[in-house]
Amino acid sequence: MLKAAIVLTVSAASVHALGATVTVQVLDVAGTPVPNAVVYAEPTGGQNVPKSLKQAEIEQKDIKFFPLVSVVQVGTPVLFPNHDKVRHHVYSFSPAKTFELKLYSGVPTSPIVFDKVGTVILGCNIHDQMVAYLQVVNTPYFAKTDMSGHAKLEGLANGKYALKAWYFKMAPNEVAMEQPLNYQGVDMAASVKLAVKAVPVQ
C-alpha cells in the first residue's frame, strides 16, 4: 500500500512571530490537488491548547448536507438547521459520536456537542443519498483545503506539533497521516501526498 508523505520547507525571509502561516498543500496519489481535506496541528511540546468552541453549523439544503466536510475542535456544539421543504432525520452511528435528530423541519432547539476526537459520518434516515463528514480534532489549529488543495494554519504558538492530514475517502479505520512539525514563528510550507484518489467537487 502506498504511504502518505509530507515535505516541509521554511521561509527564512519571514521571521515575524505574529501572522506567520503554515501553508499545506494536499495532493492525491496521482499528484492532483485534493479539496476538502482536513489539515491540523496538534501541540506535542507541552503548550497550552486554547479552546475555540464557537458554535458551528451543518445545514441541510437541496436534500444535501452543507458542507460535505467539516472540522471542529473537540467540545464544539454543532447546529443542524434544515432549510429544505421536507423533513430530515439526521443521525450518526460513528464511535466518536452516536446521536439522532428525529424527523424535523427548521432549526433544532439545541445543538449537538461533539465531545470525542474522531471521524463522525452523518446520514439522513429518510434520504439515503445524504452523507457528510465531521472531523473532530483536539486542537484549534485546523483548516480545510480549497479547490487548489491548499490550507493555511494560523495562530500557532512556537513549539512542537504533530501535523496531520485526513481525507474523507481514506479507509474508515485509517488514522490521519502524521508528521512532526517544529514551529518557530516563521512562514512554513508543507506538501502532503495521500494514497487516495481525490473526488471532484460538485
Protein backbone atom coordinates (compact mmCIF):
# COMPACT_ATOMS: atom_id res chain seq x y z
CA MET A 1 0.00 0.00 0.00
CA LEU A 2 1.29 3.46 -0.83
CA LYS A 3 2.25 5.61 2.11
CA ALA A 4 1.37 9.26 2.58
CA ALA A 5 4.24 11.70 2.77
CA ILE A 6 4.83 15.25 3.97
CA VAL A 7 7.64 17.55 2.91
CA LEU A 8 8.24 20.70 4.96
CA THR A 9 10.04 23.84 3.87
CA VAL A 10 10.73 27.03 5.84
CA SER A 11 10.76 30.58 4.55
CA ALA A 12 13.63 32.26 6.37
CA ALA A 13 12.61 35.64 4.99
CA SER A 14 9.56 35.70 7.22
CA VAL A 15 10.57 35.71 10.85
CA HIS A 16 7.61 37.52 12.39
CA ALA A 17 6.12 35.53 15.26
CA LEU A 18 2.71 37.11 14.75
CA GLY A 19 0.94 36.47 11.49
CA ALA A 20 3.21 33.65 10.32
CA THR A 21 1.42 30.86 8.47
CA VAL A 22 1.88 27.16 7.83
CA THR A 23 0.63 26.57 4.28
CA VAL A 24 -0.14 22.96 3.46
CA GLN A 25 -0.89 21.55 0.01
CA VAL A 26 -2.55 18.13 -0.14
CA LEU A 27 -2.13 16.01 -3.28
CA ASP A 28 -3.59 12.62 -4.14
CA VAL A 29 -1.77 9.53 -5.37
CA ALA A 30 -1.70 10.94 -8.91
CA GLY A 31 -0.39 14.35 -7.81
CA THR A 32 -3.80 16.04 -8.22
CA PRO A 33 -4.81 18.69 -5.64
CA VAL A 34 -7.23 17.40 -3.01
CA PRO A 35 -10.01 19.78 -1.94
CA ASN A 36 -11.98 19.15 1.27
CA ALA A 37 -9.04 17.56 3.08
CA VAL A 38 -8.67 18.41 6.77
CA VAL A 39 -5.27 19.64 7.95
CA TYR A 40 -4.50 20.28 11.61
CA ALA A 41 -1.59 20.77 14.03
CA GLU A 42 -1.74 19.11 17.45
CA PRO A 43 0.65 20.54 20.09
CA THR A 44 3.10 17.92 21.37
CA GLY A 45 5.58 20.14 23.22
CA GLY A 46 3.55 20.87 26.32
CA GLN A 47 1.98 24.08 25.02
CA ASN A 48 -1.34 25.17 26.40
CA VAL A 49 -4.07 24.31 23.92
CA PRO A 50 -6.51 27.21 23.63
CA LYS A 51 -10.20 26.47 23.26
CA SER A 52 -12.06 27.88 20.29
CA LEU A 53 -15.53 26.40 20.70
CA LYS A 54 -17.69 28.79 18.69
CA GLN A 55 -20.88 27.04 17.59
CA ALA A 56 -20.68 25.56 14.08
CA GLU A 57 -23.42 24.64 11.63
CA ILE A 58 -24.01 21.83 9.14
CA GLU A 59 -27.14 22.67 7.19
CA GLN A 60 -29.48 20.63 5.06
CA LYS A 61 -30.37 22.19 1.72
CA ASP A 62 -31.45 20.72 -1.63
CA ILE A 63 -31.54 17.27 0.00
CA LYS A 64 -27.82 17.52 0.81
CA PHE A 65 -25.62 18.36 3.75
CA PHE A 66 -23.56 21.54 3.50
CA PRO A 67 -20.68 21.48 3.83
CA LEU A 68 -19.74 17.95 2.81
CA VAL A 69 -16.75 18.04 5.16
CA SER A 70 -16.47 19.99 8.41
CA VAL A 71 -13.84 20.18 11.15
CA VAL A 72 -14.28 21.36 14.75
CA GLN A 73 -12.32 21.29 17.98
CA VAL A 74 -13.49 18.69 20.48
CA GLY A 75 -16.23 20.10 22.71
CA THR A 76 -17.74 22.28 19.98
CA PRO A 77 -21.55 22.49 19.69
CA VAL A 78 -22.88 21.99 16.16
CA LEU A 79 -26.33 23.01 14.98
CA PHE A 80 -28.12 21.17 12.14
CA PRO A 81 -30.62 23.59 10.54
CA ASN A 82 -32.98 22.11 7.96
CA HIS A 83 -33.62 24.60 5.13
CA ASP A 84 -35.44 22.11 2.92
CA LYS A 85 -39.21 21.95 2.50
CA VAL A 86 -39.11 18.31 3.54
CA ARG A 87 -38.24 16.91 6.95
CA HIS A 88 -34.98 15.15 7.71
CA HIS A 89 -33.85 12.63 10.32
CA VAL A 90 -30.14 13.27 10.96
CA TYR A 91 -28.09 10.57 12.66
CA SER A 92 -24.65 9.08 13.19
CA PHE A 93 -23.57 5.65 14.35
CA SER A 94 -19.88 6.65 14.49
CA PRO A 95 -17.94 5.73 17.67
CA ALA A 96 -16.84 9.36 18.02
CA LYS A 97 -20.48 10.44 18.35
CA THR A 98 -23.69 8.45 18.20
CA PHE A 99 -26.82 10.58 18.04
CA GLU A 100 -30.03 11.22 16.14
CA LEU A 101 -32.28 14.17 15.46
CA LYS A 102 -35.61 12.59 14.71
CA LEU A 103 -37.77 13.78 11.83
CA TYR A 104 -37.82 17.59 11.93
CA SER A 105 -38.01 20.83 9.97
CA GLY A 106 -36.41 24.19 10.67
CA VAL A 107 -33.77 24.64 13.36
CA PRO A 108 -33.39 22.22 16.29
CA THR A 109 -33.75 23.81 19.70
CA SER A 110 -30.31 22.61 20.85
CA PRO A 111 -27.00 21.88 19.11
CA ILE A 112 -25.16 18.58 19.38
CA VAL A 113 -21.89 18.78 21.34
CA PHE A 114 -19.08 16.71 19.81
CA ASP A 115 -17.09 15.69 22.85
CA LYS A 116 -14.82 12.97 21.48
CA VAL A 117 -12.00 13.13 18.94
CA GLY A 118 -12.57 11.18 15.72
CA THR A 119 -14.49 10.99 12.47
CA VAL A 120 -18.27 11.33 12.52
CA ILE A 121 -20.18 10.18 9.44
CA LEU A 122 -23.57 11.86 9.13
CA GLY A 123 -26.62 10.49 7.35
CA CYS A 124 -30.35 11.04 6.95
CA ASN A 125 -32.68 8.17 7.80
CA ILE A 126 -35.14 9.37 5.14
CA HIS A 127 -32.78 10.25 2.28
CA ASP A 128 -30.08 7.61 1.91
CA GLN A 129 -28.08 9.70 -0.58
CA MET A 130 -27.39 12.34 2.07
CA VAL A 131 -23.97 11.95 3.69
CA ALA A 132 -21.45 14.29 5.29
CA TYR A 133 -18.29 14.02 7.36
CA LEU A 134 -17.24 15.81 10.54
CA GLN A 135 -13.66 15.53 11.77
CA VAL A 136 -13.35 16.31 15.49
CA VAL A 137 -9.81 17.30 16.48
CA ASN A 138 -8.00 18.09 19.73
CA THR A 139 -6.64 21.47 18.60
CA PRO A 140 -7.87 24.89 17.46
CA TYR A 141 -5.26 24.92 14.67
CA PHE A 142 -7.13 23.41 11.75
CA ALA A 143 -8.25 24.22 8.21
CA LYS A 144 -9.81 22.64 5.14
CA THR A 145 -8.13 22.60 1.76
CA ASP A 146 -9.55 24.75 -1.03
CA MET A 147 -10.01 23.84 -4.70
CA SER A 148 -6.24 24.07 -5.25
CA GLY A 149 -5.59 21.66 -2.38
CA HIS A 150 -4.16 24.38 -0.11
CA ALA A 151 -4.94 25.04 3.55
CA LYS A 152 -3.48 27.68 5.88
CA LEU A 153 -2.86 27.14 9.58
CA GLU A 154 -2.55 30.38 11.55
CA GLY A 155 -2.16 31.50 15.13
CA LEU A 156 0.19 28.71 16.22
CA ALA A 157 2.36 29.30 19.29
CA ASN A 158 6.03 28.39 18.98
CA GLY A 159 6.75 24.76 19.76
CA LYS A 160 6.46 21.20 18.56
CA TYR A 161 3.38 19.83 16.82
CA ALA A 162 2.08 16.77 15.04
CA LEU A 163 0.97 18.00 11.61
CA LYS A 164 -1.89 15.78 10.44
CA ALA A 165 -3.93 15.39 7.27
CA TRP A 166 -7.20 13.49 6.86
CA TYR A 167 -9.47 12.94 3.85
CA PHE A 168 -12.97 11.53 3.83
CA LYS A 169 -12.07 8.91 1.21
CA MET A 170 -9.46 7.33 3.47
CA ALA A 171 -10.34 3.89 4.83
CA PRO A 172 -12.87 4.05 7.71
CA ASN A 173 -10.35 2.95 10.35
CA GLU A 174 -7.35 4.69 8.81
CA VAL A 175 -5.82 7.31 11.09
CA ALA A 176 -4.78 10.72 9.85
CA MET A 177 -1.35 10.91 8.28
CA GLU A 178 1.12 12.49 10.71
CA GLN A 179 4.45 14.33 10.52
CA PRO A 180 6.43 16.20 13.22
CA LEU A 181 6.42 19.98 12.91
CA ASN A 182 8.70 22.34 14.82
CA TYR A 183 7.11 25.76 14.54
CA GLN A 184 9.26 28.78 15.40
CA GLY A 185 7.15 31.69 14.22
CA VAL A 186 8.24 31.69 10.58
CA ASP A 187 6.22 31.01 7.45
CA MET A 188 6.40 27.35 6.51
CA ALA A 189 5.11 25.24 3.62
CA ALA A 190 4.23 21.56 3.63
CA SER A 191 3.39 19.23 0.76
CA VAL A 192 1.28 16.18 1.58
CA LYS A 193 0.72 13.24 -0.76
CA LEU A 194 -2.03 10.82 0.23
CA ALA A 195 -2.52 7.28 -1.03
CA VAL A 196 -6.07 8.03 -2.18
CA LYS A 197 -7.78 9.40 -5.29
CA ALA A 198 -9.31 12.86 -4.96
CA VAL A 199 -13.06 13.20 -5.54
CA PRO A 200 -14.11 16.08 -7.83
CA VAL A 201 -16.06 18.80 -6.04
CA GLN A 202 -19.63 19.00 -7.31
